[in-house]
Structures are given as structure tokens and as C-alpha cells.
Amino acid sequence: MHVVAFFFAMVVFVFGMWLFGLAFEVTTLQLPIFFAGIIAVGLALAIPVHILRK
């Protein structure tokens, strides 16, 4: 379970970083894409804190 949760958190974290970069490349919807990146990175950091802690 810990390996799956870690892998999922890593994928979500990388996806959030990709969204950060994408927000600077697109010409429209920069703010929603950037906020989605913030939410994705926050979720990726919350997974190990809440699930892997046990």
C-alpha cells in the first residue's frame, strides 16, 4: 500500500509541476491552470502526510 501511495503521490506531484510550466506557455486560462498546479502539488504532499504516516 505504501509503494502505491508513494507512486501515486509522485505522479500527482510531477503533474502539478507540469501544470506550473504549462500555465506560462498558454495564452489563455493561465490562472486556472496555475491554481490546478498548486492544488495538485498540495494534494501530492498531503498524501504522504496523511496516508503514509500510519
Foldseek 3Di string as FASTA:
>chain_A
DLVVLLVVLVVLLVVLVVLLVVLVVDDPPSVVSNVSSVVSNVVSVVSCVPPVVD
